[in-house]
Amino acid sequence: MDQRISFVTLAVADLEASRRFYLDGLGWTEALHEPGDVSMIHVGEHVVLSLWDRVAFEAEVGPIAAGVSSGGGVPPFTLAHNVATPEEVDAVLALAEAAGAERVGEPQEREWGGYTGYFADPDGFRWEVATNPGPIGQKVLP
């Protein structure tokens, strides 16, 4: 099996609200849209972000644990968007906030040498925006 991730799928409560956030707010481009079901956004050379209507998601995958998007806690994972500089971190966080994201704390220097901040999309999924000066951080930059 190849060592890679092809899709990141988020089960969203309101597909159209999520589309507005990612497409209109963040300025991303949609690759596929099935109204009321799914929106797919090509986010990397071989990676797609899939926004899947929660009801359709549960019909195929199974019930979502209580609390994930109902205010009962943070979803148990983060998504990350890495950039080259701290100024780019601040700019992406400002763009997300202008699009309606909730800023989660303030960006800061981390003990491992990077600079990161977080925002929450309309369903509470946490996005880390980071600059990572280490070798692994350089591998993920375009």
C-alpha atoms as a PDB file:
ATOM      1  CA  MET A   1       0.000   0.000   0.000  1.00  0.00           C
ATOM      2  CA  ASP A   2       1.332   3.450  -0.934  1.00  0.00           C
ATOM      3  CA  GLN A   3       2.041   5.822   1.950  1.00  0.00           C
ATOM      4  CA  ARG A   4      -0.398   8.651   1.152  1.00  0.00           C
ATOM      5  CA  ILE A   5      -3.782  10.208   1.874  1.00  0.00           C
ATOM      6  CA  SER A   6      -6.099  10.822  -1.075  1.00  0.00           C
ATOM      7  CA  PHE A   7      -9.231  12.318   0.536  1.00  0.00           C
ATOM      8  CA  VAL A   8      -9.987  14.135   3.758  1.00  0.00           C
ATOM      9  CA  THR A   9     -13.745  13.929   4.303  1.00  0.00           C
ATOM     10  CA  LEU A  10     -15.643  16.182   6.674  1.00  0.00           C
ATOM     11  CA  ALA A  11     -19.260  15.324   7.569  1.00  0.00           C
ATOM     12  CA  VAL A  12     -20.909  18.752   7.617  1.00  0.00           C
ATOM     13  CA  ALA A  13     -24.212  19.863   9.124  1.00  0.00           C
ATOM     14  CA  ASP A  14     -25.053  22.348   6.337  1.00  0.00           C
ATOM     15  CA  LEU A  15     -23.390  21.598   3.000  1.00  0.00           C
ATOM     16  CA  GLU A  16     -24.285  24.959   1.439  1.00  0.00           C
ATOM     17  CA  ALA A  17     -22.931  26.915   4.431  1.00  0.00           C
ATOM     18  CA  SER A  18     -19.705  24.926   4.273  1.00  0.00           C
ATOM     19  CA  ARG A  19     -19.434  25.505   0.509  1.00  0.00           C
ATOM     20  CA  ARG A  20     -19.892  29.254   1.026  1.00  0.00           C
ATOM     21  CA  PHE A  21     -17.154  29.243   3.679  1.00  0.00           C
ATOM     22  CA  TYR A  22     -14.575  27.311   1.642  1.00  0.00           C
ATOM     23  CA  LEU A  23     -15.435  28.612  -1.850  1.00  0.00           C
ATOM     24  CA  ASP A  24     -16.634  32.183  -1.339  1.00  0.00           C
ATOM     25  CA  GLY A  25     -14.874  32.919   1.948  1.00  0.00           C
ATOM     26  CA  LEU A  26     -11.508  31.238   1.454  1.00  0.00           C
ATOM     27  CA  GLY A  27     -11.580  31.535  -2.331  1.00  0.00           C
ATOM     28  CA  TRP A  28     -11.017  27.845  -3.044  1.00  0.00           C
ATOM     29  CA  THR A  29     -12.209  26.199  -6.269  1.00  0.00           C
ATOM     30  CA  GLU A  30     -14.653  23.334  -6.328  1.00  0.00           C
ATOM     31  CA  ALA A  31     -13.848  20.293  -8.471  1.00  0.00           C
ATOM     32  CA  LEU A  32     -17.203  18.509  -8.073  1.00  0.00           C
ATOM     33  CA  HIS A  33     -20.579  19.376  -6.589  1.00  0.00           C
ATOM     34  CA  GLU A  34     -23.542  17.069  -6.141  1.00  0.00           C
ATOM     35  CA  PRO A  35     -26.230  19.368  -4.639  1.00  0.00           C
ATOM     36  CA  GLY A  36     -27.423  18.210  -1.230  1.00  0.00           C
ATOM     37  CA  ASP A  37     -24.802  15.476  -1.095  1.00  0.00           C
ATOM     38  CA  VAL A  38     -21.141  16.404  -1.521  1.00  0.00           C
ATOM     39  CA  SER A  39     -18.656  19.064  -2.570  1.00  0.00           C
ATOM     40  CA  MET A  40     -15.096  18.126  -3.505  1.00  0.00           C
ATOM     41  CA  ILE A  41     -12.200  20.559  -3.534  1.00  0.00           C
ATOM     42  CA  HIS A  42      -8.819  19.641  -4.997  1.00  0.00           C
ATOM     43  CA  VAL A  43      -6.439  20.892  -2.269  1.00  0.00           C
ATOM     44  CA  GLY A  44      -3.130  19.336  -3.253  1.00  0.00           C
ATOM     45  CA  GLU A  45      -1.398  17.494  -6.042  1.00  0.00           C
ATOM     46  CA  HIS A  46      -3.107  14.243  -5.066  1.00  0.00           C
ATOM     47  CA  VAL A  47      -5.410  15.306  -2.222  1.00  0.00           C
ATOM     48  CA  VAL A  48      -9.127  16.180  -2.198  1.00  0.00           C
ATOM     49  CA  LEU A  49     -11.103  17.781   0.630  1.00  0.00           C
ATOM     50  CA  SER A  50     -14.594  16.274   0.553  1.00  0.00           C
ATOM     51  CA  LEU A  51     -17.436  18.106   2.311  1.00  0.00           C
ATOM     52  CA  TRP A  52     -20.138  15.502   2.726  1.00  0.00           C
ATOM     53  CA  ASP A  53     -23.666  16.193   3.935  1.00  0.00           C
ATOM     54  CA  ARG A  54     -23.898  14.715   7.418  1.00  0.00           C
ATOM     55  CA  VAL A  55     -27.057  12.673   6.700  1.00  0.00           C
ATOM     56  CA  ALA A  56     -25.542  11.148   3.550  1.00  0.00           C
ATOM     57  CA  PHE A  57     -22.278  10.518   5.428  1.00  0.00           C
ATOM     58  CA  GLU A  58     -24.058   8.678   8.242  1.00  0.00           C
ATOM     59  CA  ALA A  59     -26.100   6.612   5.768  1.00  0.00           C
ATOM     60  CA  GLU A  60     -22.893   5.193   4.321  1.00  0.00           C
ATOM     61  CA  VAL A  61     -20.366   5.315   7.172  1.00  0.00           C
ATOM     62  CA  GLY A  62     -22.518   5.002  10.287  1.00  0.00           C
ATOM     63  CA  PRO A  63     -23.610   7.258  13.152  1.00  0.00           C
ATOM     64  CA  ILE A  64     -21.427  10.176  14.145  1.00  0.00           C
ATOM     65  CA  ALA A  65     -20.519  10.285  17.826  1.00  0.00           C
ATOM     66  CA  ALA A  66     -22.560  12.808  19.800  1.00  0.00           C
ATOM     67  CA  GLY A  67     -20.936  16.143  20.444  1.00  0.00           C
ATOM     68  CA  VAL A  68     -18.723  16.501  17.372  1.00  0.00           C
ATOM     69  CA  SER A  69     -20.663  19.392  15.817  1.00  0.00           C
ATOM     70  CA  SER A  70     -23.234  19.964  18.536  1.00  0.00           C
ATOM     71  CA  GLY A  71     -21.059  22.007  20.860  1.00  0.00           C
ATOM     72  CA  GLY A  72     -19.977  18.993  22.896  1.00  0.00           C
ATOM     73  CA  GLY A  73     -16.254  19.292  22.224  1.00  0.00           C
ATOM     74  CA  VAL A  74     -13.668  19.512  19.512  1.00  0.00           C
ATOM     75  CA  PRO A  75     -13.599  17.011  16.651  1.00  0.00           C
ATOM     76  CA  PRO A  76     -10.758  14.579  17.427  1.00  0.00           C
ATOM     77  CA  PHE A  77      -8.398  15.715  14.665  1.00  0.00           C
ATOM     78  CA  THR A  78      -7.061  18.818  12.956  1.00  0.00           C
ATOM     79  CA  LEU A  79      -6.360  19.768   9.379  1.00  0.00           C
ATOM     80  CA  ALA A  80      -3.273  21.821   8.616  1.00  0.00           C
ATOM     81  CA  HIS A  81      -2.366  24.455   6.055  1.00  0.00           C
ATOM     82  CA  ASN A  82       1.356  25.186   6.081  1.00  0.00           C
ATOM     83  CA  VAL A  83       2.890  28.367   4.717  1.00  0.00           C
ATOM     84  CA  ALA A  84       6.437  29.733   4.485  1.00  0.00           C
ATOM     85  CA  THR A  85       6.355  32.683   6.931  1.00  0.00           C
ATOM     86  CA  PRO A  86       4.679  33.887  10.133  1.00  0.00           C
ATOM     87  CA  GLU A  87       3.210  36.796   8.151  1.00  0.00           C
ATOM     88  CA  GLU A  88       1.446  34.299   5.884  1.00  0.00           C
ATOM     89  CA  VAL A  89       0.070  32.519   8.974  1.00  0.00           C
ATOM     90  CA  ASP A  90      -1.447  35.810  10.152  1.00  0.00           C
ATOM     91  CA  ALA A  91      -2.828  36.593   6.672  1.00  0.00           C
ATOM     92  CA  VAL A  92      -4.515  33.176   6.300  1.00  0.00           C
ATOM     93  CA  LEU A  93      -6.025  33.428   9.784  1.00  0.00           C
ATOM     94  CA  ALA A  94      -7.381  36.900   8.934  1.00  0.00           C
ATOM     95  CA  LEU A  95      -8.866  35.597   5.666  1.00  0.00           C
ATOM     96  CA  ALA A  96     -10.548  32.687   7.463  1.00  0.00           C
ATOM     97  CA  GLU A  97     -11.928  35.000  10.128  1.00  0.00           C
ATOM     98  CA  ALA A  98     -13.285  37.376   7.447  1.00  0.00           C
ATOM     99  CA  ALA A  99     -14.962  34.344   5.837  1.00  0.00           C
ATOM    100  CA  GLY A 100     -16.774  33.588   9.097  1.00  0.00           C
ATOM    101  CA  ALA A 101     -14.341  31.250  10.861  1.00  0.00           C
ATOM    102  CA  GLU A 102     -13.953  31.376  14.595  1.00  0.00           C
ATOM    103  CA  ARG A 103     -10.371  32.131  15.583  1.00  0.00           C
ATOM    104  CA  VAL A 104      -9.235  29.634  18.206  1.00  0.00           C
ATOM    105  CA  GLY A 105      -6.742  31.500  20.376  1.00  0.00           C
ATOM    106  CA  GLU A 106      -4.004  33.725  19.033  1.00  0.00           C
ATOM    107  CA  PRO A 107      -1.163  32.569  16.790  1.00  0.00           C
ATOM    108  CA  GLN A 108       2.090  32.032  18.630  1.00  0.00           C
ATOM    109  CA  GLU A 109       5.677  30.852  18.490  1.00  0.00           C
ATOM    110  CA  ARG A 110       5.808  27.175  19.448  1.00  0.00           C
ATOM    111  CA  GLU A 111       8.509  25.468  21.505  1.00  0.00           C
ATOM    112  CA  TRP A 112       9.521  23.367  18.489  1.00  0.00           C
ATOM    113  CA  GLY A 113      10.416  26.500  16.484  1.00  0.00           C
ATOM    114  CA  GLY A 114       7.314  27.035  14.388  1.00  0.00           C
ATOM    115  CA  TYR A 115       4.584  29.658  14.445  1.00  0.00           C
ATOM    116  CA  THR A 116       0.975  28.486  14.384  1.00  0.00           C
ATOM    117  CA  GLY A 117      -2.608  29.539  14.914  1.00  0.00           C
ATOM    118  CA  TYR A 118      -5.975  27.816  14.636  1.00  0.00           C
ATOM    119  CA  PHE A 119      -9.428  28.560  13.285  1.00  0.00           C
ATOM    120  CA  ALA A 120     -12.687  26.588  13.333  1.00  0.00           C
ATOM    121  CA  ASP A 121     -14.793  26.193  10.177  1.00  0.00           C
ATOM    122  CA  PRO A 122     -18.632  26.349  10.328  1.00  0.00           C
ATOM    123  CA  ASP A 123     -18.829  22.798  11.726  1.00  0.00           C
ATOM    124  CA  GLY A 124     -16.084  23.330  14.302  1.00  0.00           C
ATOM    125  CA  PHE A 125     -13.369  21.429  12.411  1.00  0.00           C
ATOM    126  CA  ARG A 126     -10.045  22.862  13.531  1.00  0.00           C
ATOM    127  CA  TRP A 127      -7.553  24.081  10.944  1.00  0.00           C
ATOM    128  CA  GLU A 128      -3.984  24.759  11.999  1.00  0.00           C
ATOM    129  CA  VAL A 129      -2.187  27.412   9.962  1.00  0.00           C
ATOM    130  CA  ALA A 130       1.535  26.972  10.471  1.00  0.00           C
ATOM    131  CA  THR A 131       5.017  27.750   9.401  1.00  0.00           C
ATOM    132  CA  ASN A 132       7.402  24.940  10.266  1.00  0.00           C
ATOM    133  CA  PRO A 133      11.094  25.675   9.700  1.00  0.00           C
ATOM    134  CA  GLY A 134      12.112  22.021  10.005  1.00  0.00           C
ATOM    135  CA  PRO A 135      12.692  19.551   7.147  1.00  0.00           C
ATOM    136  CA  ILE A 136       9.185  18.044   7.397  1.00  0.00           C
ATOM    137  CA  GLY A 137       7.673  21.524   7.203  1.00  0.00           C
ATOM    138  CA  GLN A 138       9.584  22.258   4.010  1.00  0.00           C
ATOM    139  CA  LYS A 139       8.346  19.023   2.397  1.00  0.00           C
ATOM    140  CA  VAL A 140       4.714  20.143   2.519  1.00  0.00           C
ATOM    141  CA  LEU A 141       5.198  23.567   0.932  1.00  0.00           C
ATOM    142  CA  PRO A 142       4.412  24.022  -2.758  1.00  0.00           C
END
